[in-house]
């Protein structure tokens, strides 16, 4: 059974430090605030800032099963290359079976995820996250 990597989008000190460092690298090099003897150092420091941003936002592609959410919505990637976006205010119901997780939107559009190879505890945790944030009743 494979696990789901859960990432709540909240304030985290390490991520703020990484993004602030990347921002500082790019701004310092763009406006050439620090004079370097070798002009290629500006492009190297700017590339470092861009690389830090790329690494930070590529976390979703490191894991086969990945869920990130905040109070407005979630990005869910289960056994796929790309994720599906869910807005909690558009969720009408969430249905879990032995092999699938189905999210039914208010427009009756269904988003189906295959969960047969995923740890059942993680599927239950995902189900709980969806029910609580979409403010649906707690019954199964």
Protein backbone atom coordinates (compact mmCIF):
# COMPACT_ATOMS: atom_id res chain seq x y z
CA UNK A 1 0.00 0.00 0.00
CA UNK A 2 1.22 3.46 -0.90
CA UNK A 3 0.87 6.47 1.37
CA UNK A 4 -0.47 9.92 0.58
CA UNK A 5 1.77 12.88 1.31
CA UNK A 6 -0.37 15.56 3.01
CA UNK A 7 0.70 19.22 2.85
CA UNK A 8 -1.50 21.76 4.62
CA UNK A 9 -0.86 25.18 3.10
CA UNK A 10 -0.17 27.14 6.27
CA UNK A 11 2.52 29.49 7.44
CA UNK A 12 5.70 27.48 7.88
CA UNK A 13 8.92 29.19 8.90
CA UNK A 14 11.21 27.11 6.66
CA UNK A 15 9.18 27.79 3.53
CA UNK A 16 9.06 31.50 4.31
CA UNK A 17 12.84 31.57 4.70
CA UNK A 18 13.36 29.79 1.37
CA UNK A 19 11.00 32.09 -0.52
CA UNK A 20 12.42 35.22 1.16
CA UNK A 21 15.97 34.14 0.29
CA UNK A 22 14.95 33.51 -3.32
CA UNK A 23 13.22 36.91 -3.50
CA UNK A 24 16.28 38.66 -2.07
CA UNK A 25 18.60 36.90 -4.54
CA UNK A 26 16.48 37.95 -7.50
CA UNK A 27 15.97 41.56 -6.36
CA UNK A 28 19.63 42.09 -5.44
CA UNK A 29 20.76 40.84 -8.83
CA UNK A 30 18.06 42.57 -10.86
CA UNK A 31 18.88 46.01 -9.43
CA UNK A 32 22.59 45.17 -8.95
CA UNK A 33 22.48 46.34 -5.33
CA UNK A 34 25.70 44.48 -4.48
CA UNK A 35 28.57 45.11 -6.89
CA UNK A 36 30.46 41.96 -7.83
CA UNK A 37 33.93 41.95 -9.39
CA UNK A 38 32.79 39.37 -11.90
CA UNK A 39 29.54 40.33 -13.66
CA UNK A 40 28.61 36.67 -14.12
CA UNK A 41 28.03 36.41 -10.38
CA UNK A 42 24.82 38.45 -10.77
CA UNK A 43 23.37 35.86 -13.12
CA UNK A 44 24.51 33.00 -10.86
CA UNK A 45 22.86 34.48 -7.76
CA UNK A 46 19.71 35.25 -9.74
CA UNK A 47 19.69 31.67 -11.04
CA UNK A 48 20.01 30.45 -7.44
CA UNK A 49 16.90 32.44 -6.49
CA UNK A 50 14.96 31.01 -9.43
CA UNK A 51 16.14 27.50 -8.60
CA UNK A 52 14.96 27.85 -4.99
CA UNK A 53 11.51 28.91 -6.21
CA UNK A 54 11.36 26.04 -8.71
CA UNK A 55 12.30 23.50 -6.04
CA UNK A 56 9.75 24.89 -3.60
CA UNK A 57 6.88 24.69 -6.08
CA UNK A 58 7.89 21.30 -7.51
CA UNK A 59 7.01 19.41 -4.31
CA UNK A 60 3.83 18.12 -5.88
CA UNK A 61 5.81 16.18 -8.49
CA UNK A 62 8.04 14.43 -5.93
CA UNK A 63 5.20 12.20 -4.74
CA UNK A 64 2.86 9.92 -6.65
CA UNK A 65 0.03 10.57 -4.16
CA UNK A 66 -0.09 14.15 -2.92
CA UNK A 67 -2.74 16.35 -1.29
CA UNK A 68 -2.36 20.01 -0.41
CA UNK A 69 -5.16 22.13 0.98
CA UNK A 70 -6.12 25.32 2.74
CA UNK A 71 -9.48 26.70 3.89
CA UNK A 72 -10.64 27.46 0.32
CA UNK A 73 -9.77 24.32 -1.61
CA UNK A 74 -7.43 21.44 -2.32
CA UNK A 75 -5.20 19.98 -4.99
CA UNK A 76 -5.43 16.20 -5.07
CA UNK A 77 -3.09 13.94 -7.02
CA UNK A 78 -3.73 10.23 -6.60
CA UNK A 79 -2.05 7.79 -9.01
CA UNK A 80 -1.82 10.49 -11.70
CA UNK A 81 0.76 12.85 -13.14
CA UNK A 82 -1.36 15.98 -12.72
CA UNK A 83 -3.56 17.04 -9.85
CA UNK A 84 -7.23 17.99 -9.77
CA UNK A 85 -8.35 21.17 -8.03
CA UNK A 86 -11.28 21.11 -5.65
CA UNK A 87 -13.03 24.20 -4.26
CA UNK A 88 -14.67 23.36 -0.96
CA UNK A 89 -17.63 25.68 -1.52
CA UNK A 90 -18.51 23.70 -4.68
CA UNK A 91 -18.48 20.25 -3.05
CA UNK A 92 -21.90 18.66 -2.66
CA UNK A 93 -20.86 15.21 -1.43
CA UNK A 94 -17.89 12.90 -0.98
CA UNK A 95 -18.30 9.15 -1.47
CA UNK A 96 -15.69 6.53 -0.59
CA UNK A 97 -15.88 2.93 -1.79
CA UNK A 98 -13.30 0.15 -1.60
CA UNK A 99 -11.54 1.26 -4.78
CA UNK A 100 -12.58 4.87 -5.44
CA UNK A 101 -13.02 8.28 -3.88
CA UNK A 102 -15.67 10.32 -5.67
CA UNK A 103 -16.16 14.04 -5.15
CA UNK A 104 -19.53 15.28 -6.39
CA UNK A 105 -19.74 19.00 -7.06
CA UNK A 106 -22.88 21.13 -6.84
CA UNK A 107 -23.03 21.14 -10.65
CA UNK A 108 -23.25 17.29 -10.45
CA UNK A 109 -19.78 17.00 -11.99
CA UNK A 110 -17.92 14.02 -10.50
CA UNK A 111 -14.20 13.79 -9.87
CA UNK A 112 -13.19 10.16 -9.35
CA UNK A 113 -9.89 9.01 -7.85
CA UNK A 114 -8.68 5.39 -7.78
CA UNK A 115 -7.75 4.43 -4.22
CA UNK A 116 -7.28 0.66 -4.46
CA UNK A 117 -3.46 0.85 -4.05
CA UNK A 118 -3.49 3.51 -1.32
CA UNK A 119 -3.28 2.98 2.43
CA UNK A 120 -6.87 2.95 3.81
CA UNK A 121 -5.87 5.15 6.76
CA UNK A 122 -4.71 7.85 4.34
CA UNK A 123 -7.94 7.57 2.35
CA UNK A 124 -9.88 8.05 5.60
CA UNK A 125 -7.75 11.07 6.47
CA UNK A 126 -8.40 12.57 3.02
CA UNK A 127 -12.11 11.86 3.42
CA UNK A 128 -12.09 13.65 6.79
CA UNK A 129 -10.24 16.65 5.36
CA UNK A 130 -12.76 16.95 2.53
CA UNK A 131 -15.81 16.55 4.78
CA UNK A 132 -14.60 19.04 7.41
CA UNK A 133 -13.47 21.75 5.00
CA UNK A 134 -16.51 21.41 2.73
CA UNK A 135 -18.67 21.55 5.89
CA UNK A 136 -20.60 18.41 5.03
CA UNK A 137 -22.25 16.26 7.68
CA UNK A 138 -19.99 13.74 9.37
CA UNK A 139 -21.90 10.58 8.45
CA UNK A 140 -20.45 8.05 6.01
